């Protein structure tokens, strides 16, 4: 992606009224976050080539906000391996919030990889608006993988655990 295309993308995002757009291509990852500062400029917060070397930040003038436009779709390169994960059940987050593996900082985790679980066992808690919601298993089996780091934000329907029902 060349500088001209990036500048056009910045102008498009500024005109669309979208507050944030993330774009990942084969060699570039760009996050554009609009926020009117004192000069009325929209800035790119992050533009990092996937190779690792940093690229300079760019700025372009902001335009009048219009109707929001859909964000560019992310590539489908993050599909799990079909042969391994087909036999596992994915436990997904029922709410948006912060994922915790422990009931309290000084307590042990609810489940570890390799632990046998049964339906109704508490797997984790998700904090949403100062409420801690226990997430219970809907299946019996064995924890194969924990997909989220402790104390990290999760989205609705985000995979949390892989369970082997065998």
Foldseek 3Di string as FASTA:
>chain_A
DDPVVVQVVLAVQLQQQDQWAWEDDPFKTWIWGQDQDPVQKTWTPAIATPVGDGDDIDIDHGDDHDHHDDHDDYDPPPDDDCVPQVQWDFDFDQAWAWKAQAPDPVGDGQDDAFDWDAFFRFRTWGDDPNDTHTDTDRATAGWHDAPDDHGHIDHHGHTGTIGRRD
